[in-house]
Amino acid sequence: MKTYRIATVPGDGIGKEVVPAGRRVLEVLAGSESSFTFEFENFDWGGDYFRQHGEMMPESGLNALKCLPARRVLLHSNSKTSTGVGIIFANMGR
């Protein structure tokens, strides 16, 4: 069985609802097939993280995503936040 590893980055606002819903859709899809499954790793980066740490994500954040074997990211944009700062994710393609 093939396993796809996916990073989830909900960000802020509606992302905290949309990303978990997207994850549930993928889990249902995998449950209907016996040929693949998903593993998720969540990264809680966004406005809340910024308010606690003074940065949108740790300095090693992009490397953490780039080190994922397949570089799959389920992301709700957190480029506009109530803090007035944000990040733009680099293309995570191969």
C-alpha atoms as a PDB file:
ATOM      1  CA  MET A   1       0.000   0.000   0.000  1.00  0.00           C
ATOM      2  CA  LYS A   2       1.348   3.430  -0.968  1.00  0.00           C
ATOM      3  CA  THR A   3       1.436   6.099   1.740  1.00  0.00           C
ATOM      4  CA  TYR A   4       1.356   9.794   0.866  1.00  0.00           C
ATOM      5  CA  ARG A   5       2.783  12.153   3.501  1.00  0.00           C
ATOM      6  CA  ILE A   6       1.107  15.554   3.534  1.00  0.00           C
ATOM      7  CA  ALA A   7       1.954  18.643   5.557  1.00  0.00           C
ATOM      8  CA  THR A   8      -1.039  20.678   6.671  1.00  0.00           C
ATOM      9  CA  VAL A   9      -0.753  24.416   7.305  1.00  0.00           C
ATOM     10  CA  PRO A  10      -4.167  25.775   8.325  1.00  0.00           C
ATOM     11  CA  GLY A  11      -2.996  29.341   8.881  1.00  0.00           C
ATOM     12  CA  ASP A  12      -5.688  31.648  10.265  1.00  0.00           C
ATOM     13  CA  GLY A  13      -9.383  32.364  10.013  1.00  0.00           C
ATOM     14  CA  ILE A  14     -11.283  30.027   7.727  1.00  0.00           C
ATOM     15  CA  GLY A  15      -8.148  27.920   7.151  1.00  0.00           C
ATOM     16  CA  LYS A  16      -8.642  26.395  10.589  1.00  0.00           C
ATOM     17  CA  GLU A  17     -11.920  24.959   9.258  1.00  0.00           C
ATOM     18  CA  VAL A  18     -11.068  24.376   5.587  1.00  0.00           C
ATOM     19  CA  VAL A  19      -7.801  22.469   6.017  1.00  0.00           C
ATOM     20  CA  PRO A  20      -9.208  19.911   8.514  1.00  0.00           C
ATOM     21  CA  ALA A  21     -12.235  19.458   6.210  1.00  0.00           C
ATOM     22  CA  GLY A  22      -9.895  18.837   3.274  1.00  0.00           C
ATOM     23  CA  ARG A  23      -8.007  16.325   5.385  1.00  0.00           C
ATOM     24  CA  ARG A  24     -11.242  14.482   6.204  1.00  0.00           C
ATOM     25  CA  VAL A  25     -12.097  14.325   2.482  1.00  0.00           C
ATOM     26  CA  LEU A  26      -8.706  12.769   1.749  1.00  0.00           C
ATOM     27  CA  GLU A  27      -9.131  10.284   4.612  1.00  0.00           C
ATOM     28  CA  VAL A  28     -12.546   9.211   3.267  1.00  0.00           C
ATOM     29  CA  LEU A  29     -11.044   8.844  -0.205  1.00  0.00           C
ATOM     30  CA  ALA A  30      -8.232   6.667   1.151  1.00  0.00           C
ATOM     31  CA  GLY A  31     -10.765   4.633   3.143  1.00  0.00           C
ATOM     32  CA  SER A  32     -12.628   3.796  -0.060  1.00  0.00           C
ATOM     33  CA  GLU A  33      -9.447   2.440  -1.671  1.00  0.00           C
ATOM     34  CA  SER A  34      -7.101  -0.204  -0.395  1.00  0.00           C
ATOM     35  CA  SER A  35      -4.171   0.881  -2.567  1.00  0.00           C
ATOM     36  CA  PHE A  36      -3.104   4.023  -0.688  1.00  0.00           C
ATOM     37  CA  THR A  37      -3.286   5.906   2.583  1.00  0.00           C
ATOM     38  CA  PHE A  38      -2.313   9.347   3.864  1.00  0.00           C
ATOM     39  CA  GLU A  39      -0.163  10.470   6.788  1.00  0.00           C
ATOM     40  CA  PHE A  40      -0.509  14.080   7.896  1.00  0.00           C
ATOM     41  CA  GLU A  41       1.890  16.349   9.744  1.00  0.00           C
ATOM     42  CA  ASN A  42       0.362  19.594  10.994  1.00  0.00           C
ATOM     43  CA  PHE A  43       2.239  22.892  11.195  1.00  0.00           C
ATOM     44  CA  ASP A  44       0.425  25.527  13.271  1.00  0.00           C
ATOM     45  CA  TRP A  45       1.893  28.575  11.580  1.00  0.00           C
ATOM     46  CA  GLY A  46      -0.030  31.787  11.167  1.00  0.00           C
ATOM     47  CA  GLY A  47      -1.204  34.734  13.230  1.00  0.00           C
ATOM     48  CA  ASP A  48      -1.424  32.816  16.513  1.00  0.00           C
ATOM     49  CA  TYR A  49       2.088  31.467  16.058  1.00  0.00           C
ATOM     50  CA  PHE A  50       3.303  34.959  15.187  1.00  0.00           C
ATOM     51  CA  ARG A  51       1.765  36.464  18.317  1.00  0.00           C
ATOM     52  CA  GLN A  52       3.466  33.828  20.483  1.00  0.00           C
ATOM     53  CA  HIS A  53       6.874  33.737  18.770  1.00  0.00           C
ATOM     54  CA  GLY A  54       7.254  37.030  16.888  1.00  0.00           C
ATOM     55  CA  GLU A  55       7.621  35.267  13.519  1.00  0.00           C
ATOM     56  CA  MET A  56       5.202  33.546  11.119  1.00  0.00           C
ATOM     57  CA  MET A  57       7.055  30.240  11.313  1.00  0.00           C
ATOM     58  CA  PRO A  58      10.387  29.036  12.666  1.00  0.00           C
ATOM     59  CA  GLU A  59      13.504  29.796  10.668  1.00  0.00           C
ATOM     60  CA  SER A  60      13.683  26.111   9.718  1.00  0.00           C
ATOM     61  CA  GLY A  61      10.056  26.090   8.503  1.00  0.00           C
ATOM     62  CA  LEU A  62      10.584  25.954   4.741  1.00  0.00           C
ATOM     63  CA  ASN A  63      13.251  23.295   5.162  1.00  0.00           C
ATOM     64  CA  ALA A  64      10.816  21.224   7.232  1.00  0.00           C
ATOM     65  CA  LEU A  65       8.366  21.317   4.320  1.00  0.00           C
ATOM     66  CA  LYS A  66      11.025  20.725   1.675  1.00  0.00           C
ATOM     67  CA  CYS A  67      12.252  17.655   3.562  1.00  0.00           C
ATOM     68  CA  LEU A  68       8.912  15.900   3.224  1.00  0.00           C
ATOM     69  CA  PRO A  69       9.486  12.957   0.883  1.00  0.00           C
ATOM     70  CA  ALA A  70       6.831  13.930  -1.659  1.00  0.00           C
ATOM     71  CA  ARG A  71       6.570  17.634  -0.776  1.00  0.00           C
ATOM     72  CA  ARG A  72       2.788  17.609  -0.565  1.00  0.00           C
ATOM     73  CA  VAL A  73       1.275  20.569   1.307  1.00  0.00           C
ATOM     74  CA  LEU A  74      -2.379  21.215   2.145  1.00  0.00           C
ATOM     75  CA  LEU A  75      -2.238  24.950   2.800  1.00  0.00           C
ATOM     76  CA  HIS A  76      -4.695  27.691   3.487  1.00  0.00           C
ATOM     77  CA  SER A  77      -2.952  30.919   2.650  1.00  0.00           C
ATOM     78  CA  ASN A  78      -1.811  32.788   5.701  1.00  0.00           C
ATOM     79  CA  SER A  79      -0.242  35.609   3.753  1.00  0.00           C
ATOM     80  CA  LYS A  80      -2.707  38.181   5.071  1.00  0.00           C
ATOM     81  CA  THR A  81      -3.257  38.241   8.810  1.00  0.00           C
ATOM     82  CA  SER A  82      -4.460  40.620  11.465  1.00  0.00           C
ATOM     83  CA  THR A  83      -0.799  41.085  12.418  1.00  0.00           C
ATOM     84  CA  GLY A  84      -0.078  42.755   9.076  1.00  0.00           C
ATOM     85  CA  VAL A  85       2.671  40.283   8.214  1.00  0.00           C
ATOM     86  CA  GLY A  86       2.716  37.030   6.368  1.00  0.00           C
ATOM     87  CA  ILE A  87       4.674  34.554   4.363  1.00  0.00           C
ATOM     88  CA  ILE A  88       4.666  33.439   0.769  1.00  0.00           C
ATOM     89  CA  PHE A  89       5.469  29.789   0.266  1.00  0.00           C
ATOM     90  CA  ALA A  90       8.027  28.903  -2.366  1.00  0.00           C
ATOM     91  CA  ASN A  91       7.014  26.429  -5.041  1.00  0.00           C
ATOM     92  CA  MET A  92       7.276  23.050  -3.350  1.00  0.00           C
ATOM     93  CA  GLY A  93       7.495  21.137  -6.653  1.00  0.00           C
ATOM     94  CA  ARG A  94      10.098  18.492  -7.260  1.00  0.00           C
END
